[in-house]
C-alpha atoms as a PDB file:
ATOM      1  CA  MET A   1     -19.056  -4.264 -11.670  1.00  0.00           C
ATOM      2  CA  LEU A   2     -17.288  -7.269 -12.950  1.00  0.00           C
ATOM      3  CA  ARG A   3     -16.144  -9.615 -10.039  1.00  0.00           C
ATOM      4  CA  TYR A   4     -15.599 -12.987 -11.794  1.00  0.00           C
ATOM      5  CA  LEU A   5     -13.914 -13.377 -15.188  1.00  0.00           C
ATOM      6  CA  ASP A   6     -13.649 -16.750 -16.803  1.00  0.00           C
ATOM      7  CA  LEU A   7     -11.439 -16.722 -19.933  1.00  0.00           C
ATOM      8  CA  ARG A   8     -10.891 -20.440 -20.198  1.00  0.00           C
ATOM      9  CA  GLY A   9      -9.920 -21.750 -23.604  1.00  0.00           C
ATOM     10  CA  ASN A  10      -9.465 -18.366 -25.395  1.00  0.00           C
ATOM     11  CA  LYS A  11      -6.091 -18.883 -26.905  1.00  0.00           C
ATOM     12  CA  ILE A  12      -4.492 -16.074 -24.854  1.00  0.00           C
ATOM     13  CA  TYR A  13      -0.757 -16.175 -25.484  1.00  0.00           C
ATOM     14  CA  ALA A  14       1.017 -13.064 -24.476  1.00  0.00           C
ATOM     15  CA  LEU A  15       1.405 -11.473 -20.998  1.00  0.00           C
ATOM     16  CA  ASP A  16       0.567  -8.045 -22.470  1.00  0.00           C
ATOM     17  CA  SER A  17      -2.854  -9.382 -23.325  1.00  0.00           C
ATOM     18  CA  ILE A  18      -3.798  -9.240 -19.753  1.00  0.00           C
ATOM     19  CA  ASP A  19      -2.784  -5.613 -19.183  1.00  0.00           C
ATOM     20  CA  THR A  20      -6.356  -4.464 -19.285  1.00  0.00           C
ATOM     21  CA  LEU A  21      -7.088  -6.265 -15.977  1.00  0.00           C
ATOM     22  CA  ALA A  22      -5.684  -3.157 -14.326  1.00  0.00           C
ATOM     23  CA  LYS A  23      -8.998  -1.386 -15.220  1.00  0.00           C
ATOM     24  CA  LEU A  24     -11.144  -4.001 -13.491  1.00  0.00           C
ATOM     25  CA  LYS A  25     -10.767  -2.632  -9.985  1.00  0.00           C
ATOM     26  CA  LYS A  26     -13.447  -4.856  -8.448  1.00  0.00           C
ATOM     27  CA  LEU A  27     -12.240  -8.166 -10.091  1.00  0.00           C
ATOM     28  CA  TYR A  28     -11.955 -10.826  -7.476  1.00  0.00           C
ATOM     29  CA  SER A  29     -11.498 -14.103  -9.500  1.00  0.00           C
ATOM     30  CA  LEU A  30      -9.788 -14.756 -12.813  1.00  0.00           C
ATOM     31  CA  ASN A  31      -9.667 -18.085 -14.742  1.00  0.00           C
ATOM     32  CA  LEU A  32      -7.232 -18.444 -17.611  1.00  0.00           C
ATOM     33  CA  GLU A  33      -7.137 -22.357 -17.677  1.00  0.00           C
ATOM     34  CA  ASN A  34      -6.573 -23.975 -21.046  1.00  0.00           C
ATOM     35  CA  ASN A  35      -4.784 -20.946 -22.401  1.00  0.00           C
ATOM     36  CA  PRO A  36      -1.185 -20.989 -23.685  1.00  0.00           C
ATOM     37  CA  ILE A  37      -0.417 -18.021 -21.378  1.00  0.00           C
ATOM     38  CA  THR A  38      -0.518 -20.448 -18.402  1.00  0.00           C
ATOM     39  CA  VAL A  39       2.928 -21.844 -19.216  1.00  0.00           C
ATOM     40  CA  HIS A  40       4.627 -18.593 -18.070  1.00  0.00           C
ATOM     41  CA  LEU A  41       6.510 -19.361 -14.936  1.00  0.00           C
ATOM     42  CA  HIS A  42       5.563 -16.098 -13.084  1.00  0.00           C
ATOM     43  CA  LEU A  43       1.988 -15.725 -14.334  1.00  0.00           C
ATOM     44  CA  ASN A  44       0.294 -15.342 -11.008  1.00  0.00           C
ATOM     45  CA  LYS A  45       2.843 -12.672  -9.866  1.00  0.00           C
ATOM     46  CA  THR A  46       2.458 -10.827 -13.136  1.00  0.00           C
ATOM     47  CA  ILE A  47      -1.333 -10.870 -12.753  1.00  0.00           C
ATOM     48  CA  LEU A  48      -1.090  -9.635  -9.126  1.00  0.00           C
ATOM     49  CA  ASP A  49       1.258  -6.835 -10.159  1.00  0.00           C
ATOM     50  CA  ILE A  50      -1.262  -5.669 -12.792  1.00  0.00           C
ATOM     51  CA  ALA A  51      -4.418  -6.328 -10.634  1.00  0.00           C
ATOM     52  CA  PRO A  52      -3.433  -6.714  -6.863  1.00  0.00           C
ATOM     53  CA  GLN A  53      -7.166  -6.832  -5.937  1.00  0.00           C
ATOM     54  CA  ILE A  54      -7.501 -10.309  -7.478  1.00  0.00           C
ATOM     55  CA  GLU A  55      -7.747 -13.057  -4.804  1.00  0.00           C
ATOM     56  CA  VAL A  56      -8.357 -16.224  -6.902  1.00  0.00           C
ATOM     57  CA  ILE A  57      -6.632 -17.201 -10.054  1.00  0.00           C
ATOM     58  CA  ASN A  58      -7.508 -20.416 -11.859  1.00  0.00           C
ATOM     59  CA  SER A  59      -9.680 -21.587  -8.941  1.00  0.00           C
ATOM     60  CA  VAL A  60      -6.758 -21.147  -6.497  1.00  0.00           C
ATOM     61  CA  ARG A  61      -6.818 -18.662  -3.667  1.00  0.00           C
ATOM     62  CA  VAL A  62      -3.763 -16.504  -4.114  1.00  0.00           C
ATOM     63  CA  ARG A  63      -4.394 -13.910  -1.379  1.00  0.00           C
ATOM     64  CA  ASP A  64      -5.551 -13.901   2.124  1.00  0.00           C
ATOM     65  CA  LEU A  65      -7.011 -11.157   4.169  1.00  0.00           C
ATOM     66  CA  GLY A  66      -3.706 -10.493   5.854  1.00  0.00           C
ATOM     67  CA  ASN A  67      -1.853  -9.956   2.537  1.00  0.00           C
ATOM     68  CA  LYS A  68      -4.664  -7.624   1.381  1.00  0.00           C
ATOM     69  CA  ILE A  69      -4.296  -5.494   4.525  1.00  0.00           C
ATOM     70  CA  LYS A  70      -0.554  -5.501   4.019  1.00  0.00           C
ATOM     71  CA  LEU A  71      -0.989  -4.252   0.470  1.00  0.00           C
ATOM     72  CA  LYS A  72      -3.359  -1.558   1.502  1.00  0.00           C
ATOM     73  CA  ILE A  73      -0.944  -0.287   4.217  1.00  0.00           C
ATOM     74  CA  GLU A  74       1.924  -0.325   1.693  1.00  0.00           C
ATOM     75  CA  SER A  75      -0.009   1.641  -0.759  1.00  0.00           C
ATOM     76  CA  LEU A  76      -1.039   4.239   1.835  1.00  0.00           C
ATOM     77  CA  LYS A  77       2.628   4.603   2.941  1.00  0.00           C
ATOM     78  CA  GLU A  78       3.701   5.173  -0.705  1.00  0.00           C
ATOM     79  CA  GLU A  79       0.995   7.770  -1.055  1.00  0.00           C
ATOM     80  CA  LEU A  80       2.246   9.481   2.069  1.00  0.00           C
ATOM     81  CA  THR A  81       5.776   9.414   0.984  1.00  0.00           C
ATOM     82  CA  ARG A  82       4.844  10.936  -2.375  1.00  0.00           C
ATOM     83  CA  ALA A  83       2.797  13.560  -0.720  1.00  0.00           C
ATOM     84  CA  GLY A  84       5.648  14.644   1.491  1.00  0.00           C
ATOM     85  CA  ASP A  85       8.102  15.013  -1.397  1.00  0.00           C
END
């Protein structure tokens, strides 16, 4: 179970290069420092859209427990809505 992923200095350029993060369900911390991808304006949002379980990006906490609970509640509401359709 991978919890911490340090990809510093790996010449990662494109946002689609990080799509596989969605498969890492237990990933807690991701470091992409010193990669060209870090110039993207909405990188953190994109990462969190792909892998909402991540709480730390580039050594900065991006989620707190309250947000995590809200995300879980929203996810459960969506599931209930789909189940009712």
